């Protein structure tokens, strides 16, 4: 298979997990799948394949002492671009999985953070941090109200 075909398959593969955690978060199949790290293994193997298939002295230098122009030139090569994209898929999905489990455990609203994480992972993480902090403050206020009621 070509880099292009494998690239397309990786996107389809990763998207299937995003569909589960965004649209079917409480389905027992989603929960079973997301409890495991196994979904990451095919993507990690594909990342390694892209990385090593496109590895060269130029690539090593681009990563060892990064300069923006050299890094940009390296990413213009198909294999380097594919390995970088699959790297994003793995890290974004891992972060999305963590946000998903935070939502399940803390019973907080996460769909907006997951959508952001899917396309712009750092913004999704920031969204989740803010949502979690606001939810925690609301839960603490509720606990304080319960304590006040119990005292009276």
Protein backbone atom coordinates (compact mmCIF):
# COMPACT_ATOMS: atom_id res chain seq x y z
CA UNK A 1 0.00 0.00 0.00
CA UNK A 2 1.12 3.52 -0.68
CA UNK A 3 1.75 6.18 1.95
CA UNK A 4 -1.36 7.93 0.67
CA UNK A 5 -3.58 4.88 1.14
CA UNK A 6 -2.21 4.18 4.62
CA UNK A 7 -2.66 7.85 5.50
CA UNK A 8 -6.34 7.67 4.47
CA UNK A 9 -6.86 4.46 6.46
CA UNK A 10 -5.30 6.04 9.55
CA UNK A 11 -7.76 8.93 9.41
CA UNK A 12 -10.74 6.60 9.02
CA UNK A 13 -9.45 4.40 11.86
CA UNK A 14 -8.91 7.26 14.31
CA UNK A 15 -12.21 8.91 13.38
CA UNK A 16 -14.12 5.77 14.34
CA UNK A 17 -13.00 6.18 17.96
CA UNK A 18 -13.87 9.86 17.98
CA UNK A 19 -17.37 8.98 16.78
CA UNK A 20 -17.73 6.56 19.68
CA UNK A 21 -16.60 8.95 22.41
CA UNK A 22 -18.52 11.95 21.04
CA UNK A 23 -21.79 10.38 19.88
CA UNK A 24 -22.01 7.14 21.92
CA UNK A 25 -20.14 7.94 25.15
CA UNK A 26 -22.29 5.82 27.44
CA UNK A 27 -22.53 2.76 25.19
CA UNK A 28 -20.91 -0.20 26.92
CA UNK A 29 -18.92 -1.02 23.75
CA UNK A 30 -17.44 2.49 23.76
CA UNK A 31 -16.51 2.16 27.41
CA UNK A 32 -14.89 -1.24 26.88
CA UNK A 33 -12.89 -0.01 23.91
CA UNK A 34 -11.78 3.18 25.65
CA UNK A 35 -10.65 1.31 28.77
CA UNK A 36 -7.96 -0.30 26.64
CA UNK A 37 -4.81 1.12 25.10
CA UNK A 38 -5.08 -1.40 22.26
CA UNK A 39 -6.75 1.05 19.83
CA UNK A 40 -3.52 3.04 19.83
CA UNK A 41 -1.28 0.14 18.78
CA UNK A 42 -2.12 0.12 15.03
CA UNK A 43 -1.62 3.88 14.85
CA UNK A 44 1.70 3.66 16.70
CA UNK A 45 2.88 0.90 14.37
CA UNK A 46 1.84 2.98 11.37
CA UNK A 47 3.64 6.00 12.83
CA UNK A 48 6.81 3.93 13.24
CA UNK A 49 6.49 2.67 9.66
CA UNK A 50 6.08 6.17 8.22
CA UNK A 51 8.87 7.51 10.39
CA UNK A 52 11.44 4.85 9.60
CA UNK A 53 10.48 4.58 5.93
CA UNK A 54 11.12 8.29 5.49
CA UNK A 55 14.06 8.59 7.89
CA UNK A 56 17.24 10.12 6.52
CA UNK A 57 20.20 12.13 7.73
CA UNK A 58 18.28 15.27 6.79
CA UNK A 59 15.32 14.12 8.90
CA UNK A 60 17.58 13.31 11.84
CA UNK A 61 19.15 16.76 11.67
CA UNK A 62 15.73 18.42 11.40
CA UNK A 63 14.64 16.75 14.63
CA UNK A 64 17.98 16.97 16.46
CA UNK A 65 18.42 20.73 16.10
CA UNK A 66 15.08 22.06 14.90
CA UNK A 67 15.04 25.16 12.76
CA UNK A 68 11.70 26.21 11.34
CA UNK A 69 12.79 26.38 7.70
CA UNK A 70 14.49 22.95 7.86
CA UNK A 71 11.51 21.44 9.68
CA UNK A 72 9.10 22.89 7.10
CA UNK A 73 11.21 21.45 4.27
CA UNK A 74 11.25 18.05 6.00
CA UNK A 75 7.46 18.12 6.35
CA UNK A 76 7.13 18.77 2.62
CA UNK A 77 8.22 15.15 2.07
CA UNK A 78 5.34 12.68 1.92
CA UNK A 79 6.67 10.22 4.52
CA UNK A 80 7.58 12.93 7.01
CA UNK A 81 4.22 14.63 6.61
CA UNK A 82 2.42 11.29 7.05
CA UNK A 83 4.38 10.38 10.19
CA UNK A 84 3.73 13.83 11.65
CA UNK A 85 0.01 13.54 10.90
CA UNK A 86 -0.25 10.08 12.48
CA UNK A 87 1.67 11.47 15.46
CA UNK A 88 -1.10 14.08 15.77
CA UNK A 89 -3.76 11.38 15.47
CA UNK A 90 -2.22 9.32 18.28
CA UNK A 91 -1.67 12.24 20.66
CA UNK A 92 -5.03 13.88 19.92
CA UNK A 93 -6.89 10.60 20.42
CA UNK A 94 -4.98 9.88 23.61
CA UNK A 95 -5.93 13.31 24.93
CA UNK A 96 -9.52 12.83 23.76
CA UNK A 97 -9.64 9.50 25.58
CA UNK A 98 -8.42 11.17 28.77
CA UNK A 99 -11.05 13.94 28.47
CA UNK A 100 -13.69 11.27 27.77
CA UNK A 101 -12.81 9.41 30.98
CA UNK A 102 -12.72 12.66 32.95
CA UNK A 103 -16.27 13.30 31.78
CA UNK A 104 -17.39 9.77 32.66
CA UNK A 105 -15.81 9.84 36.12
CA UNK A 106 -16.66 13.40 37.12
CA UNK A 107 -20.01 13.56 35.31
CA UNK A 108 -19.09 16.80 33.59
CA UNK A 109 -20.03 18.03 30.13
CA UNK A 110 -17.21 17.33 27.67
CA UNK A 111 -18.62 17.26 24.14
CA UNK A 112 -17.40 20.78 23.32
CA UNK A 113 -13.91 19.92 24.57
CA UNK A 114 -13.87 16.70 22.53
CA UNK A 115 -14.88 18.51 19.34
CA UNK A 116 -12.16 21.08 19.92
CA UNK A 117 -9.65 18.36 20.78
CA UNK A 118 -10.47 16.48 17.59
CA UNK A 119 -9.47 19.44 15.43
CA UNK A 120 -7.35 21.65 17.71
CA UNK A 121 -6.08 19.50 20.59
CA UNK A 122 -4.46 22.25 22.69
CA UNK A 123 -7.69 24.29 22.58
CA UNK A 124 -9.68 21.18 23.51
CA UNK A 125 -7.42 20.64 26.49
CA UNK A 126 -7.81 24.28 27.56
CA UNK A 127 -11.58 24.01 27.15
CA UNK A 128 -11.63 20.91 29.32
CA UNK A 129 -9.44 22.48 32.00
CA UNK A 130 -11.80 25.47 32.19
CA UNK A 131 -14.92 23.28 32.15
CA UNK A 132 -13.51 21.03 34.86
CA UNK A 133 -12.58 24.02 37.04
CA UNK A 134 -16.02 25.58 36.63
CA UNK A 135 -17.74 22.26 37.29
CA UNK A 136 -15.60 21.66 40.37
CA UNK A 137 -16.48 25.12 41.70
CA UNK A 138 -20.18 24.43 41.14
CA UNK A 139 -19.91 21.05 42.87
CA UNK A 140 -18.07 22.65 45.80
CA UNK A 141 -20.81 25.29 46.06
CA UNK A 142 -23.43 22.52 46.11
CA UNK A 143 -21.51 20.72 48.87
CA UNK A 144 -21.35 23.94 50.89
CA UNK A 145 -25.08 24.48 50.48
CA UNK A 146 -25.77 20.92 51.71
CA UNK A 147 -23.53 21.49 54.75
CA UNK A 148 -25.34 24.75 55.55
CA UNK A 149 -28.71 22.99 55.30
CA UNK A 150 -27.57 20.20 57.59
CA UNK A 151 -26.48 22.71 60.25
CA UNK A 152 -29.93 24.28 60.40
